[in-house]
Amino acid sequence: MVPVTQLFAEIRESGYTGSANLLVRYLNQGRAEGDRPVTTSRHASRLLLTKPDNLRPKETTLLEKISAACPEMTALASLVRGFAALLTPAARTPPSSSTRALP
């Protein structure tokens, strides 16, 4: 791994005119890693917490990429879905004639 200060010096020599702060923000957003989806943590959280039926196709694709990015994200997505299932109200069925009412 190359320290940001060294990277900044090297790209400055190549003609980069931006600030070191801008470079750090760019790197922190994951844009330097081409195989990972680019989004903010807030947006990823919203996608994870949104009912899948309410996501647009583009959001569904991004959520799939985020969920598959690493084992921890895959596990997190699974846990969120499981927790959401616990919070979903069960469909109520009318009592059957064989069910006796408790006193």
N, C-alpha and C. Protein backbone atom coordinates (compact mmCIF):
# COMPACT_ATOMS: atom_id res chain seq x y z
N MET A 1 0.84 -1.17 0.00
CA MET A 1 0.00 0.00 0.00
C MET A 1 0.90 1.24 0.00
N VAL A 2 0.54 2.21 -0.82
CA VAL A 2 1.31 3.44 -0.95
C VAL A 2 0.68 4.52 -0.07
N PRO A 3 1.48 5.20 0.75
CA PRO A 3 0.93 6.30 1.55
C PRO A 3 0.37 7.40 0.64
N VAL A 4 -0.68 8.05 1.10
CA VAL A 4 -1.34 9.08 0.31
C VAL A 4 -0.37 10.21 -0.02
N THR A 5 0.50 10.56 0.92
CA THR A 5 1.44 11.66 0.66
C THR A 5 2.38 11.32 -0.49
N GLN A 6 2.81 10.06 -0.55
CA GLN A 6 3.69 9.64 -1.65
C GLN A 6 2.91 9.63 -2.97
N LEU A 7 1.69 9.10 -2.93
CA LEU A 7 0.85 9.09 -4.12
C LEU A 7 0.58 10.52 -4.60
N PHE A 8 0.29 11.40 -3.66
CA PHE A 8 0.03 12.80 -3.99
C PHE A 8 1.24 13.41 -4.68
N ALA A 9 2.43 13.18 -4.15
CA ALA A 9 3.66 13.73 -4.74
C ALA A 9 3.86 13.18 -6.15
N GLU A 10 3.62 11.89 -6.34
CA GLU A 10 3.83 11.28 -7.65
C GLU A 10 2.84 11.81 -8.70
N ILE A 11 1.59 11.93 -8.33
CA ILE A 11 0.63 12.40 -9.34
C ILE A 11 0.74 13.91 -9.55
N ARG A 12 1.24 14.61 -8.55
CA ARG A 12 1.50 16.05 -8.69
C ARG A 12 2.56 16.27 -9.78
N GLU A 13 3.60 15.39 -9.78
CA GLU A 13 4.65 15.46 -10.80
C GLU A 13 4.09 15.17 -12.20
N SER A 14 3.02 14.39 -12.25
CA SER A 14 2.41 14.04 -13.54
C SER A 14 1.40 15.09 -14.00
N GLY A 15 1.20 16.14 -13.21
CA GLY A 15 0.33 17.22 -13.64
C GLY A 15 -0.97 17.37 -12.87
N TYR A 16 -1.17 16.59 -11.82
CA TYR A 16 -2.38 16.72 -11.00
C TYR A 16 -2.39 18.10 -10.35
N THR A 17 -3.51 18.81 -10.50
CA THR A 17 -3.59 20.17 -9.94
C THR A 17 -4.53 20.27 -8.75
N GLY A 18 -5.17 19.16 -8.39
CA GLY A 18 -6.10 19.17 -7.26
C GLY A 18 -5.37 19.18 -5.93
N SER A 19 -6.15 19.29 -4.87
CA SER A 19 -5.57 19.33 -3.53
C SER A 19 -5.40 17.91 -2.97
N ALA A 20 -4.60 17.81 -1.93
CA ALA A 20 -4.42 16.53 -1.25
C ALA A 20 -5.73 16.08 -0.62
N ASN A 21 -6.50 17.04 -0.11
CA ASN A 21 -7.80 16.73 0.50
C ASN A 21 -8.74 16.09 -0.53
N LEU A 22 -8.76 16.64 -1.73
CA LEU A 22 -9.60 16.09 -2.79
C LEU A 22 -9.17 14.67 -3.13
N LEU A 23 -7.88 14.43 -3.19
CA LEU A 23 -7.36 13.09 -3.47
C LEU A 23 -7.79 12.11 -2.38
N VAL A 24 -7.69 12.51 -1.13
CA VAL A 24 -8.08 11.64 -0.01
C VAL A 24 -9.57 11.32 -0.09
N ARG A 25 -10.40 12.33 -0.37
CA ARG A 25 -11.85 12.08 -0.49
C ARG A 25 -12.13 11.12 -1.63
N TYR A 26 -11.44 11.28 -2.74
CA TYR A 26 -11.61 10.40 -3.89
C TYR A 26 -11.25 8.95 -3.51
N LEU A 27 -10.14 8.78 -2.84
CA LEU A 27 -9.70 7.44 -2.45
C LEU A 27 -10.64 6.81 -1.41
N ASN A 28 -11.13 7.62 -0.49
CA ASN A 28 -12.03 7.11 0.54
C ASN A 28 -13.38 6.66 -0.01
N GLN A 29 -13.75 7.17 -1.16
CA GLN A 29 -15.00 6.75 -1.78
C GLN A 29 -14.85 5.43 -2.52
N GLY A 30 -13.65 4.87 -2.55
CA GLY A 30 -13.44 3.58 -3.18
C GLY A 30 -13.28 3.64 -4.68
N ARG A 31 -13.15 4.82 -5.23
CA ARG A 31 -13.05 4.93 -6.69
C ARG A 31 -11.73 4.40 -7.22
N ALA A 32 -10.75 4.26 -6.36
CA ALA A 32 -9.47 3.75 -6.82
C ALA A 32 -9.53 2.24 -7.04
N GLU A 33 -10.53 1.59 -6.48
CA GLU A 33 -10.68 0.15 -6.63
C GLU A 33 -11.78 -0.11 -7.66
N GLY A 34 -11.41 -0.43 -8.86
CA GLY A 34 -12.35 -0.56 -9.96
C GLY A 34 -13.34 -1.70 -9.86
N ASP A 35 -13.06 -2.72 -9.05
CA ASP A 35 -13.95 -3.87 -8.98
C ASP A 35 -15.04 -3.73 -7.93
N ARG A 36 -15.05 -2.66 -7.21
CA ARG A 36 -16.07 -2.47 -6.17
C ARG A 36 -17.07 -1.40 -6.59
N PRO A 37 -18.35 -1.58 -6.21
CA PRO A 37 -19.34 -0.57 -6.56
C PRO A 37 -19.09 0.73 -5.80
N VAL A 38 -19.41 1.85 -6.43
CA VAL A 38 -19.18 3.15 -5.82
C VAL A 38 -20.51 3.71 -5.32
N THR A 39 -20.59 3.96 -4.04
CA THR A 39 -21.76 4.59 -3.43
C THR A 39 -21.35 5.10 -2.07
N THR A 40 -22.21 5.85 -1.44
CA THR A 40 -21.93 6.33 -0.09
C THR A 40 -22.44 5.31 0.92
N SER A 41 -21.97 5.38 2.13
CA SER A 41 -22.44 4.47 3.17
C SER A 41 -23.92 4.71 3.46
N ARG A 42 -24.36 5.95 3.38
CA ARG A 42 -25.77 6.28 3.61
C ARG A 42 -26.65 5.64 2.54
N HIS A 43 -26.23 5.73 1.28
CA HIS A 43 -27.00 5.16 0.19
C HIS A 43 -27.03 3.63 0.29
N ALA A 44 -25.89 3.03 0.63
CA ALA A 44 -25.85 1.57 0.79
C ALA A 44 -26.77 1.13 1.92
N SER A 45 -26.78 1.89 3.02
CA SER A 45 -27.67 1.56 4.14
C SER A 45 -29.13 1.64 3.72
N ARG A 46 -29.47 2.68 2.97
CA ARG A 46 -30.85 2.82 2.51
C ARG A 46 -31.25 1.65 1.62
N LEU A 47 -30.34 1.24 0.74
CA LEU A 47 -30.64 0.10 -0.13
C LEU A 47 -30.84 -1.17 0.68
N LEU A 48 -29.99 -1.39 1.68
CA LEU A 48 -30.11 -2.58 2.52
C LEU A 48 -31.41 -2.60 3.32
N LEU A 49 -31.88 -1.42 3.72
CA LEU A 49 -33.06 -1.33 4.58
C LEU A 49 -34.37 -1.17 3.81
N THR A 50 -34.30 -1.02 2.51
CA THR A 50 -35.51 -0.87 1.69
C THR A 50 -36.04 -2.23 1.29
N LYS A 51 -37.36 -2.37 1.36
CA LYS A 51 -37.99 -3.61 0.93
C LYS A 51 -37.62 -3.86 -0.53
N PRO A 52 -37.12 -5.05 -0.86
CA PRO A 52 -36.66 -5.32 -2.23
C PRO A 52 -37.68 -4.99 -3.32
N ASP A 53 -38.97 -5.19 -3.03
CA ASP A 53 -40.00 -4.89 -4.03
C ASP A 53 -40.08 -3.40 -4.34
N ASN A 54 -39.56 -2.56 -3.45
CA ASN A 54 -39.64 -1.11 -3.63
C ASN A 54 -38.39 -0.52 -4.29
N LEU A 55 -37.43 -1.36 -4.66
CA LEU A 55 -36.21 -0.89 -5.31
C LEU A 55 -36.38 -0.88 -6.83
N ARG A 56 -35.79 0.12 -7.47
CA ARG A 56 -35.77 0.15 -8.93
C ARG A 56 -34.74 -0.87 -9.41
N PRO A 57 -34.82 -1.32 -10.66
CA PRO A 57 -33.87 -2.33 -11.16
C PRO A 57 -32.41 -1.91 -10.99
N LYS A 58 -32.10 -0.65 -11.23
CA LYS A 58 -30.73 -0.17 -11.08
C LYS A 58 -30.27 -0.28 -9.62
N GLU A 59 -31.18 0.04 -8.69
CA GLU A 59 -30.85 -0.06 -7.26
C GLU A 59 -30.68 -1.52 -6.84
N THR A 60 -31.50 -2.39 -7.40
CA THR A 60 -31.39 -3.82 -7.09
C THR A 60 -30.04 -4.35 -7.54
N THR A 61 -29.61 -3.95 -8.72
CA THR A 61 -28.30 -4.38 -9.23
C THR A 61 -27.18 -3.87 -8.34
N LEU A 62 -27.26 -2.59 -7.94
CA LEU A 62 -26.23 -2.03 -7.06
C LEU A 62 -26.22 -2.74 -5.72
N LEU A 63 -27.40 -3.03 -5.17
CA LEU A 63 -27.48 -3.74 -3.90
C LEU A 63 -26.85 -5.13 -4.01
N GLU A 64 -27.08 -5.80 -5.12
CA GLU A 64 -26.46 -7.12 -5.33
C GLU A 64 -24.94 -7.01 -5.36
N LYS A 65 -24.43 -5.98 -6.02
CA LYS A 65 -22.98 -5.78 -6.08
C LYS A 65 -22.41 -5.45 -4.70
N ILE A 66 -23.12 -4.59 -3.96
CA ILE A 66 -22.68 -4.22 -2.61
C ILE A 66 -22.68 -5.46 -1.71
N SER A 67 -23.75 -6.22 -1.78
CA SER A 67 -23.89 -7.41 -0.94
C SER A 67 -22.82 -8.45 -1.23
N ALA A 68 -22.36 -8.50 -2.47
CA ALA A 68 -21.36 -9.50 -2.86
C ALA A 68 -19.93 -8.97 -2.76
N ALA A 69 -19.76 -7.72 -2.33
CA ALA A 69 -18.44 -7.10 -2.31
C ALA A 69 -17.45 -7.81 -1.40
N CYS A 70 -17.92 -8.35 -0.30
CA CYS A 70 -17.05 -9.05 0.63
C CYS A 70 -17.91 -9.93 1.52
N PRO A 71 -17.32 -10.92 2.19
CA PRO A 71 -18.11 -11.83 3.03
C PRO A 71 -18.90 -11.10 4.12
N GLU A 72 -18.34 -10.03 4.66
CA GLU A 72 -19.03 -9.29 5.71
C GLU A 72 -20.29 -8.62 5.19
N MET A 73 -20.23 -8.06 3.99
CA MET A 73 -21.41 -7.43 3.40
C MET A 73 -22.46 -8.47 3.04
N THR A 74 -22.03 -9.63 2.57
CA THR A 74 -22.97 -10.71 2.27
C THR A 74 -23.70 -11.12 3.54
N ALA A 75 -22.95 -11.29 4.64
CA ALA A 75 -23.55 -11.67 5.91
C ALA A 75 -24.47 -10.57 6.43
N LEU A 76 -24.05 -9.30 6.30
CA LEU A 76 -24.88 -8.19 6.76
C LEU A 76 -26.20 -8.15 6.00
N ALA A 77 -26.16 -8.29 4.68
CA ALA A 77 -27.38 -8.27 3.89
C ALA A 77 -28.32 -9.39 4.31
N SER A 78 -27.77 -10.56 4.57
CA SER A 78 -28.58 -11.69 5.01
C SER A 78 -29.21 -11.42 6.38
N LEU A 79 -28.44 -10.86 7.30
CA LEU A 79 -28.97 -10.54 8.62
C LEU A 79 -30.06 -9.48 8.56
N VAL A 80 -29.88 -8.47 7.72
CA VAL A 80 -30.89 -7.42 7.58
C VAL A 80 -32.18 -8.01 7.03
N ARG A 81 -32.07 -8.88 6.01
CA ARG A 81 -33.27 -9.52 5.45
C ARG A 81 -33.97 -10.38 6.50
N GLY A 82 -33.20 -11.11 7.29
CA GLY A 82 -33.78 -11.94 8.34
C GLY A 82 -34.48 -11.11 9.41
N PHE A 83 -33.86 -10.00 9.79
CA PHE A 83 -34.47 -9.12 10.78
C PHE A 83 -35.74 -8.49 10.24
N ALA A 84 -35.71 -8.09 8.97
CA ALA A 84 -36.90 -7.50 8.35
C ALA A 84 -38.05 -8.51 8.32
N ALA A 85 -37.73 -9.78 8.10
CA ALA A 85 -38.76 -10.82 8.09
C ALA A 85 -39.41 -10.95 9.47
N LEU A 86 -38.61 -10.78 10.52
CA LEU A 86 -39.16 -10.85 11.88
C LEU A 86 -40.12 -9.69 12.15
N LEU A 87 -39.86 -8.54 11.53
CA LEU A 87 -40.69 -7.36 11.76
C LEU A 87 -41.94 -7.33 10.89
N THR A 88 -41.98 -8.17 9.87
CA THR A 88 -43.13 -8.19 8.97
C THR A 88 -44.29 -8.88 9.67
N PRO A 89 -45.44 -8.22 9.75
CA PRO A 89 -46.58 -8.85 10.42
C PRO A 89 -47.00 -10.13 9.69
N ALA A 90 -47.31 -11.14 10.46
CA ALA A 90 -47.77 -12.40 9.88
C ALA A 90 -49.19 -12.23 9.38
N ALA A 91 -49.51 -12.93 8.32
CA ALA A 91 -50.88 -12.88 7.79
C ALA A 91 -51.80 -13.55 8.80
N ARG A 92 -52.86 -12.87 9.16
CA ARG A 92 -53.79 -13.42 10.14
C ARG A 92 -54.78 -14.33 9.43
N THR A 93 -54.98 -15.47 10.01
CA THR A 93 -55.97 -16.39 9.45
C THR A 93 -57.12 -16.48 10.44
N PRO A 94 -58.33 -16.57 9.93
CA PRO A 94 -59.46 -16.67 10.85
C PRO A 94 -59.39 -17.99 11.63
N PRO A 95 -59.81 -17.98 12.88
CA PRO A 95 -59.75 -19.22 13.67
C PRO A 95 -60.62 -20.30 13.02
N SER A 96 -60.09 -21.50 13.05
CA SER A 96 -60.86 -22.61 12.48
C SER A 96 -61.90 -23.08 13.48
N SER A 97 -62.88 -23.84 13.01
CA SER A 97 -63.97 -24.30 13.88
C SER A 97 -63.46 -25.30 14.89
N SER A 98 -62.31 -25.91 14.62
CA SER A 98 -61.78 -26.89 15.59
C SER A 98 -60.99 -26.24 16.70
N THR A 99 -60.71 -24.94 16.57
CA THR A 99 -59.96 -24.22 17.60
C THR A 99 -60.93 -23.75 18.66
N ARG A 100 -60.64 -24.11 19.90
CA ARG A 100 -61.47 -23.72 21.00
C ARG A 100 -60.98 -22.42 21.61
N ALA A 101 -61.86 -21.56 21.95
CA ALA A 101 -61.49 -20.29 22.60
C ALA A 101 -61.10 -20.58 24.03
N LEU A 102 -60.09 -19.90 24.51
CA LEU A 102 -59.65 -20.06 25.89
C LEU A 102 -60.57 -19.27 26.80
N PRO A 103 -60.83 -19.77 28.01
CA PRO A 103 -61.70 -19.06 28.94
C PRO A 103 -61.12 -17.78 29.46
